[in-house]
Protein backbone atom coordinates (compact mmCIF):
# COMPACT_ATOMS: atom_id res chain seq x y z
CA MET A 1 -42.13 122.61 21.24
CA THR A 2 -44.23 125.73 21.79
CA GLU A 3 -42.80 129.24 21.89
CA LYS A 4 -43.70 129.55 25.55
CA LYS A 5 -41.82 126.38 26.38
CA LYS A 6 -38.75 127.62 24.57
CA LYS A 7 -38.67 130.80 26.65
CA THR A 8 -39.17 128.93 29.86
CA GLU A 9 -36.24 126.65 29.14
CA ASN A 10 -33.81 129.40 28.13
CA PRO A 11 -30.51 127.98 29.49
CA THR A 12 -27.88 129.89 31.43
CA ASP A 13 -24.14 129.39 30.85
CA ASP A 14 -24.02 126.15 32.82
CA GLY A 15 -27.06 124.64 31.07
CA MET A 16 -29.55 125.38 33.88
CA THR A 17 -32.96 126.25 32.53
CA SER A 18 -34.72 129.44 33.67
CA GLU A 19 -37.51 127.30 35.20
CA LYS A 20 -35.02 125.27 37.31
CA ARG A 21 -33.21 128.47 38.33
CA LEU A 22 -36.42 130.04 39.57
CA ARG A 23 -37.29 126.92 41.61
CA ILE A 24 -33.87 126.94 43.31
CA CYS A 25 -34.06 130.66 44.00
CA ALA A 26 -37.58 130.30 45.38
CA ALA A 27 -36.46 127.50 47.71
CA ALA A 28 -33.67 129.75 49.00
CA GLY A 29 -36.23 132.51 49.54
CA VAL A 30 -38.50 130.26 51.59
CA PHE A 31 -35.47 129.14 53.64
CA GLY A 32 -34.68 132.78 54.33
CA ILE A 33 -38.25 133.59 55.40
CA ILE A 34 -38.36 130.73 57.91
CA THR A 35 -34.95 131.34 59.44
CA ASN A 36 -35.36 135.11 59.67
CA LEU A 37 -38.78 134.76 61.30
CA LEU A 38 -37.35 132.45 63.92
CA LEU A 39 -34.41 134.75 64.57
CA ALA A 40 -36.65 137.82 64.82
CA ALA A 41 -38.99 136.06 67.30
CA VAL A 42 -36.10 134.96 69.49
CA LYS A 43 -34.43 138.38 69.53
CA PHE A 44 -37.66 140.26 70.16
CA ALA A 45 -38.18 138.02 73.16
CA VAL A 46 -34.65 138.60 74.39
CA GLY A 47 -34.91 142.34 73.74
CA SER A 48 -38.22 142.64 75.59
CA LEU A 49 -37.01 140.68 78.64
CA SER A 50 -33.67 142.48 78.86
CA GLY A 51 -34.87 145.93 77.89
CA SER A 52 -32.05 146.18 75.28
CA VAL A 53 -32.66 148.58 72.38
CA SER A 54 -29.72 147.09 70.45
CA VAL A 55 -31.20 143.57 70.57
CA THR A 56 -34.61 144.92 69.58
CA ALA A 57 -32.98 146.78 66.66
CA ASP A 58 -31.23 143.56 65.64
CA ALA A 59 -34.55 141.67 65.81
CA ALA A 60 -36.16 144.30 63.58
CA ASN A 61 -33.25 143.94 61.19
CA ASN A 62 -34.02 140.20 60.95
CA LEU A 63 -37.69 141.02 60.39
CA THR A 64 -36.59 143.31 57.57
CA ASP A 65 -34.59 140.44 56.12
CA CYS A 66 -37.73 138.30 56.31
CA ALA A 67 -39.71 140.96 54.43
CA SER A 68 -36.82 141.16 51.97
CA SER A 69 -37.06 137.40 51.37
CA VAL A 70 -40.82 137.68 50.82
CA VAL A 71 -40.48 140.51 48.32
CA THR A 72 -37.56 138.77 46.61
CA LEU A 73 -39.63 135.58 46.36
CA VAL A 74 -42.48 137.56 44.73
CA GLY A 75 -39.91 139.17 42.46
CA PHE A 76 -38.61 135.80 41.30
CA ARG A 77 -42.19 134.71 40.55
CA LEU A 78 -42.89 137.84 38.53
CA ALA A 79 -39.49 137.65 36.81
CA GLY A 80 -40.34 134.14 35.62
CA LYS A 81 -43.36 135.33 33.61
CA PRO A 82 -42.86 134.77 29.85
CA ALA A 83 -42.50 137.67 27.42
CA ASP A 84 -45.71 139.17 26.12
CA LYS A 85 -46.80 141.80 23.67
CA GLU A 86 -46.25 144.69 26.11
CA HIS A 87 -42.93 143.30 27.43
CA PRO A 88 -41.18 141.55 24.53
CA PHE A 89 -37.94 141.18 26.50
CA GLY A 90 -39.63 139.39 29.40
CA HIS A 91 -40.11 140.39 33.03
CA ALA A 92 -36.77 139.48 34.57
CA ARG A 93 -36.13 143.05 35.77
CA TYR A 94 -38.79 142.56 38.40
CA GLU A 95 -35.98 140.99 40.40
CA TYR A 96 -34.18 144.37 40.44
CA LEU A 97 -37.34 146.34 41.20
CA THR A 98 -38.10 144.25 44.26
CA GLY A 99 -34.51 144.71 45.39
CA LEU A 100 -34.92 148.47 45.15
CA CYS A 101 -38.15 148.38 47.22
CA VAL A 102 -36.46 146.30 49.95
CA SER A 103 -33.46 148.66 49.97
CA ALA A 104 -35.71 151.67 50.62
CA PHE A 105 -37.39 149.83 53.48
CA VAL A 106 -34.00 148.97 55.00
CA LEU A 107 -33.00 152.66 54.96
CA MET A 108 -36.22 153.67 56.71
CA LEU A 109 -35.65 151.05 59.40
CA GLY A 110 -32.05 152.16 59.89
CA PHE A 111 -33.08 155.80 60.49
CA SER A 112 -35.83 154.67 62.87
CA PHE A 113 -33.47 152.70 65.09
CA LEU A 114 -30.76 155.35 64.93
CA LYS A 115 -33.30 157.73 66.46
CA GLU A 116 -34.35 155.18 69.08
CA SER A 117 -30.74 154.40 70.05
CA VAL A 118 -29.93 158.12 70.50
CA THR A 119 -33.05 158.46 72.65
CA CYS A 120 -31.85 155.48 74.75
CA LEU A 121 -28.54 157.28 75.37
CA ILE A 122 -30.26 160.53 76.33
CA ASN A 123 -32.65 158.78 78.72
CA ARG A 124 -29.86 156.53 80.09
CA SER A 125 -32.00 153.37 79.70
CA GLU A 126 -30.60 150.22 81.38
CA SER A 127 -30.62 146.61 80.19
CA SER A 128 -30.08 143.25 81.85
CA PHE A 129 -29.11 139.94 80.19
CA SER A 130 -29.59 136.45 81.54
CA PRO A 131 -27.23 133.55 80.61
CA THR A 132 -30.04 132.06 78.50
CA ALA A 133 -30.32 135.31 76.51
CA LEU A 134 -26.57 135.30 75.88
CA ILE A 135 -26.71 131.71 74.61
CA LEU A 136 -29.60 132.57 72.30
CA LEU A 137 -27.64 135.51 70.85
CA PHE A 138 -24.62 133.27 70.26
CA ALA A 139 -26.84 130.74 68.47
CA SER A 140 -28.25 133.53 66.32
CA VAL A 141 -24.74 134.37 65.10
CA ALA A 142 -24.22 130.74 64.03
CA VAL A 143 -27.60 130.61 62.24
CA LYS A 144 -26.84 133.82 60.35
CA ILE A 145 -23.48 132.48 59.18
CA PHE A 146 -25.11 129.28 57.97
CA GLN A 147 -27.80 131.29 56.21
CA GLY A 148 -25.14 133.37 54.44
CA LEU A 149 -23.32 130.23 53.28
CA VAL A 150 -26.56 128.85 51.81
CA TYR A 151 -27.34 132.14 50.05
CA ARG A 152 -23.81 132.44 48.67
CA LYS A 153 -23.70 128.90 47.30
CA THR A 154 -27.18 129.21 45.70
CA GLY A 155 -26.37 132.71 44.37
CA LYS A 156 -23.21 131.45 42.63
CA ARG A 157 -25.04 128.46 41.17
CA THR A 158 -27.93 130.51 39.80
CA HIS A 159 -25.98 133.76 39.08
CA SER A 160 -28.58 135.64 41.13
CA VAL A 161 -27.79 139.25 42.09
CA SER A 162 -30.52 139.18 44.78
CA LEU A 163 -29.23 136.02 46.46
CA SER A 164 -25.62 137.20 46.35
CA ALA A 165 -26.73 140.44 47.99
CA SER A 166 -28.67 138.44 50.57
CA ALA A 167 -25.53 136.40 51.33
CA ALA A 168 -23.54 139.57 51.99
CA ASP A 169 -26.43 140.90 54.09
CA SER A 170 -26.50 137.69 56.18
CA PHE A 171 -22.80 137.83 56.89
CA ASN A 172 -23.18 141.50 57.85
CA ASP A 173 -26.03 140.52 60.16
CA SER A 174 -23.86 137.93 61.88
CA ILE A 175 -21.36 140.71 62.60
CA ILE A 176 -24.15 142.91 63.91
CA THR A 177 -25.45 140.20 66.22
CA ALA A 178 -21.91 139.45 67.38
CA THR A 179 -21.50 143.18 68.20
CA VAL A 180 -24.78 143.12 70.16
CA LEU A 181 -23.60 139.98 71.95
CA ALA A 182 -20.30 141.66 72.83
CA GLY A 183 -22.22 144.61 74.27
CA ALA A 184 -24.41 142.25 76.29
CA LEU A 185 -21.35 140.46 77.68
CA VAL A 186 -19.80 143.79 78.67
CA ARG A 187 -23.05 144.73 80.47
CA HIS A 188 -23.35 141.30 82.08
CA PHE A 189 -19.81 141.05 83.44
CA THR A 190 -18.86 144.70 84.07
CA GLY A 191 -22.17 146.50 84.55
CA ALA A 192 -21.14 149.16 82.00
CA GLU A 193 -24.15 150.37 79.99
CA VAL A 194 -23.16 150.38 76.29
CA ASP A 195 -26.51 149.33 74.85
CA GLY A 196 -27.30 152.72 73.29
CA TRP A 197 -23.91 152.94 71.61
CA VAL A 198 -24.24 149.41 70.24
CA GLY A 199 -27.73 150.29 68.96
CA ILE A 200 -26.26 153.32 67.11
CA ALA A 201 -23.56 151.05 65.59
CA VAL A 202 -26.22 148.55 64.43
CA ALA A 203 -28.33 151.35 62.91
CA ILE A 204 -25.32 152.73 61.03
CA VAL A 205 -24.51 149.28 59.60
CA ILE A 206 -28.15 148.93 58.50
CA LEU A 207 -28.04 152.34 56.79
CA ILE A 208 -24.76 151.56 54.98
CA SER A 209 -26.12 148.19 53.83
CA GLY A 210 -29.35 149.79 52.62
CA GLY A 211 -27.44 152.49 50.73
CA LYS A 212 -25.32 149.92 48.95
CA LEU A 213 -28.37 147.90 47.97
CA VAL A 214 -30.09 151.02 46.62
CA ALA A 215 -27.01 151.91 44.54
CA GLU A 216 -26.69 148.39 43.14
CA SER A 217 -30.38 147.96 42.20
CA ALA A 218 -30.70 151.46 40.79
CA GLY A 219 -27.46 151.07 38.83
CA ILE A 220 -28.76 148.02 37.00
CA LEU A 221 -32.14 149.62 36.23
CA LEU A 222 -30.48 152.81 34.96
CA GLY A 223 -28.32 150.84 32.52
CA LYS A 224 -25.13 149.72 34.28
CA ALA A 225 -22.19 148.93 32.00
CA PRO A 226 -21.69 145.16 31.38
CA ASP A 227 -19.07 143.42 33.48
CA ARG A 228 -15.59 143.06 32.01
CA GLU A 229 -15.68 139.24 31.95
CA THR A 230 -18.84 139.16 29.81
CA VAL A 231 -17.43 141.71 27.35
CA ASP A 232 -14.13 139.82 27.06
CA ARG A 233 -15.89 136.49 26.46
CA LEU A 234 -18.06 137.99 23.73
CA CYS A 235 -15.16 139.81 22.07
CA ASP A 236 -12.91 136.73 22.21
CA THR A 237 -15.65 134.57 20.67
CA VAL A 238 -16.41 136.96 17.80
CA SER A 239 -12.76 137.67 17.04
CA SER A 240 -11.90 133.95 16.88
CA TYR A 241 -13.61 133.46 13.51
CA ASP A 242 -11.59 133.55 10.30
CA GLY A 243 -12.69 136.51 8.21
CA VAL A 244 -13.32 138.89 11.14
CA VAL A 245 -10.91 141.80 10.75
CA GLY A 246 -12.10 143.83 13.74
CA MET A 247 -15.13 144.81 15.81
CA HIS A 248 -16.49 147.98 17.42
CA ASP A 249 -19.65 149.74 18.65
CA LEU A 250 -20.58 146.95 21.08
CA ILE A 251 -23.75 147.76 22.99
CA MET A 252 -25.21 145.37 25.59
CA HIS A 253 -28.51 145.47 27.44
CA SER A 254 -29.41 143.16 30.32
CA TYR A 255 -33.05 142.30 31.02
CA GLY A 256 -32.18 139.88 33.81
CA GLU A 257 -30.16 136.69 34.24
CA GLY A 258 -29.97 134.83 30.90
CA ARG A 259 -31.60 137.71 29.00
CA ILE A 260 -28.77 139.74 27.50
CA PHE A 261 -29.19 141.45 24.15
CA ALA A 262 -26.25 142.93 22.24
CA SER A 263 -25.32 144.55 18.97
CA VAL A 264 -21.89 145.04 17.44
CA HIS A 265 -20.25 146.10 14.20
CA VAL A 266 -17.95 143.47 12.69
CA GLU A 267 -15.35 144.43 10.05
CA VAL A 268 -14.73 142.12 7.13
CA ASP A 269 -12.69 142.36 3.92
CA ALA A 270 -14.64 144.49 1.44
CA LYS A 271 -13.48 142.31 -1.47
CA LYS A 272 -14.90 139.14 0.03
CA ASP A 273 -18.11 137.80 -1.46
CA ILE A 274 -21.04 139.40 0.36
CA MET A 275 -22.93 136.10 0.61
CA LEU A 276 -19.96 134.45 2.32
CA SER A 277 -19.62 137.39 4.73
CA HIS A 278 -23.34 137.23 5.53
CA GLU A 279 -23.04 133.50 6.16
CA LEU A 280 -20.17 134.18 8.55
CA ILE A 281 -22.21 136.76 10.44
CA ASP A 282 -25.18 134.40 10.77
CA ARG A 283 -22.93 131.65 12.11
CA ILE A 284 -21.36 133.97 14.72
CA GLU A 285 -24.77 135.17 15.93
CA HIS A 286 -26.03 131.58 16.28
CA ASP A 287 -22.89 130.39 18.07
CA VAL A 288 -22.81 133.31 20.50
CA CYS A 289 -26.42 132.63 21.45
CA LYS A 290 -25.73 128.94 21.97
CA LYS A 291 -22.42 129.30 23.86
CA LEU A 292 -22.92 132.49 25.84
CA GLY A 293 -26.72 132.86 26.00
CA ILE A 294 -26.49 136.35 24.41
CA GLN A 295 -28.93 137.43 21.66
CA LEU A 296 -26.48 139.14 19.31
CA VAL A 297 -27.20 141.28 16.27
CA ILE A 298 -24.22 142.04 14.03
CA HIS A 299 -23.87 144.94 11.62
CA LEU A 300 -21.55 144.07 8.72
CA ASP A 301 -18.77 146.60 8.05
CA PRO A 302 -16.80 145.98 4.83
CA ILE A 303 -13.36 147.64 4.97
CA THR A 304 -10.42 147.94 2.59
CA VAL A 305 -7.50 145.81 3.79
CA ASP A 306 -5.06 145.69 0.87
CA ASP A 307 -4.80 149.27 -0.39
CA PRO A 308 -1.23 150.57 0.35
CA LEU A 309 -2.25 154.24 0.75
CA THR A 310 -5.19 153.42 3.03
CA ASN A 311 -3.09 151.09 5.15
CA LYS A 312 -0.28 153.67 5.48
CA MET A 313 -2.64 156.47 6.50
CA ARG A 314 -4.43 154.12 8.91
CA GLU A 315 -1.11 153.16 10.58
CA ASP A 316 -0.07 156.81 10.87
CA THR A 317 -3.45 157.78 12.30
CA GLU A 318 -3.22 154.95 14.83
CA LYS A 319 0.18 156.25 16.01
CA ILE A 320 -1.17 159.82 16.33
CA ILE A 321 -4.18 158.77 18.37
CA ALA A 322 -2.15 156.41 20.57
CA GLY A 323 0.29 159.29 21.22
CA ILE A 324 -2.56 161.45 22.52
CA SER A 325 -4.02 158.79 24.84
CA GLY A 326 -4.07 155.02 25.14
CA SER A 327 -7.79 155.21 25.99
CA LEU A 328 -8.69 156.45 22.49
CA ARG A 329 -9.58 154.16 19.58
CA PHE A 330 -10.90 154.60 16.07
CA HIS A 331 -12.76 152.51 13.50
CA ASP A 332 -14.46 152.67 10.09
CA PHE A 333 -11.33 154.26 8.64
CA ARG A 334 -11.59 155.01 4.93
CA ILE A 335 -10.24 157.47 2.40
CA VAL A 336 -11.67 158.98 -0.75
CA PRO A 337 -8.75 160.05 -2.98
CA GLY A 338 -9.16 163.09 -5.26
CA LYS A 339 -7.03 165.06 -7.72
CA GLU A 340 -6.05 167.83 -5.26
CA ARG A 341 -7.06 166.49 -1.87
CA THR A 342 -7.93 163.26 -0.06
CA ASN A 343 -10.88 162.91 2.25
CA VAL A 344 -10.03 160.92 5.42
CA LEU A 345 -13.01 159.69 7.36
CA PHE A 346 -13.24 157.68 10.59
CA ASP A 347 -15.01 157.40 13.97
CA LEU A 348 -13.05 158.31 17.07
CA VAL A 349 -14.09 156.41 20.22
CA VAL A 350 -13.80 158.68 23.30
CA PRO A 351 -14.22 157.34 26.85
CA THR A 352 -16.61 159.10 29.19
CA GLY A 353 -14.96 161.91 31.17
CA PHE A 354 -12.01 162.30 28.75
CA VAL A 355 -9.71 165.19 29.69
CA LEU A 356 -10.24 167.11 26.42
CA PRO A 357 -13.60 168.36 25.09
CA ASP A 358 -14.72 166.73 21.87
CA GLY A 359 -14.05 169.85 19.76
CA GLU A 360 -10.48 170.31 21.04
CA LEU A 361 -9.72 166.61 20.56
CA VAL A 362 -10.95 166.63 16.96
CA SER A 363 -8.90 169.75 16.20
CA LEU A 364 -5.81 168.18 17.74
CA VAL A 365 -6.09 164.92 15.76
CA THR A 366 -6.88 166.82 12.57
CA ARG A 367 -3.89 169.11 12.97
CA GLU A 368 -1.44 166.23 13.53
CA ILE A 369 -2.79 164.29 10.52
CA ASN A 370 -2.43 167.40 8.36
CA GLU A 371 1.20 167.71 9.40
CA LEU A 372 1.84 164.37 7.72
CA TYR A 373 -0.71 164.74 4.94
CA PRO A 374 -1.24 168.45 4.11
CA THR A 375 -3.82 167.73 1.39
CA ALA A 376 -5.98 165.54 3.62
CA VAL A 377 -9.47 166.73 4.56
CA VAL A 378 -10.15 165.04 7.86
CA LYS A 379 -13.72 164.27 8.87
CA ILE A 380 -14.08 162.75 12.36
CA ASP A 381 -17.24 161.54 14.07
CA ILE A 382 -17.09 161.18 17.86
CA ASP A 383 -18.23 157.78 19.17
CA ARG A 384 -18.73 156.45 22.74
CA ASP A 385 -17.55 153.20 24.25
CA TYR A 386 -20.73 151.83 25.83
CA ALA A 387 -19.30 148.41 26.75
CA ASP A 388 -15.73 149.32 27.82
CA LEU A 389 -13.95 147.47 25.01
CA ILE A 390 -10.63 148.80 26.35
CA GLY A 391 -9.39 147.17 29.54
CA GLU A 392 -8.34 149.30 32.52
CA ASN A 393 -4.72 148.30 31.93
CA GLU A 394 -4.82 149.93 28.49
CA LYS A 395 -6.09 153.30 29.70
């Protein structure tokens, strides 16, 4: 099997190959293009005949969804390109870039129709709906709900962020169209002109949706923290092996669905044969890749586990740090005994936004350790928790 073939058939958690995933996502994209084009054409016709700015805004929203499907489809195609010399981690992040482009377009459209709806109110424009127009709007709501169900099912199956976002957008669109329909019914049966207000409501929903999409796409590109479930699965898998004493410094990078790279420090007994420890690390890396689809690199950390003084000082340090905050952790604890003093060295993991500055925290921990061990020379390195190894319930 060639190298290119191997990359193409990189499986996800459920065994689906990348090639099959892209085909399914592309089919969903084509489905979205066709349905959104039909909806936009119907609503533009209804909006033109009735003179309703809210229906026209809703039609433009569907046209935006169509453009979104086109860009997403292109993004899936680009994301499926194999890794090359310039992009050794592949091109899967194209999916997020296209999402960001669509989000910006959605915001522009929202502002445009907000302006038009306000103008409609100022000019006191009137609209008129026929029974046929009302039936078409009702059918549009049903089509949007069906579209959302298709997107949601496909998004869950393929673990696609884009399709999951499209599902939420489709359900939001069904609410928008239902709101427009309600306004049309009010106008049809009571004569009250609420079209401009409904148009403003539609524009605001479009703006909120676009803002959320921008935040989500930008967050992933900027380096969003891995989700808790992925971190827990990885930690549980690594910790399950005999010989693993502890783990820390987990860092994860996502380059798209099925392309997660991670590194972690794994603690083992320092007295264990180094070749056996290396064999254990190799086995863990291989199993994590096979079971979770994560390319893992492990740094081996030998630690002392049977020295009474080290264990006692480690336990006391753990109590001190836990007494300060449950969100603090430490690792790589070691001591270097001397004739007159004992060096105590470890890394202190501090969560982002901790209440105390690093300098004050180090001074506080040092002072409390020295109260128990006056001859200890404490040397603390501040570390960051990039993958949220501590659950929210522990903070």
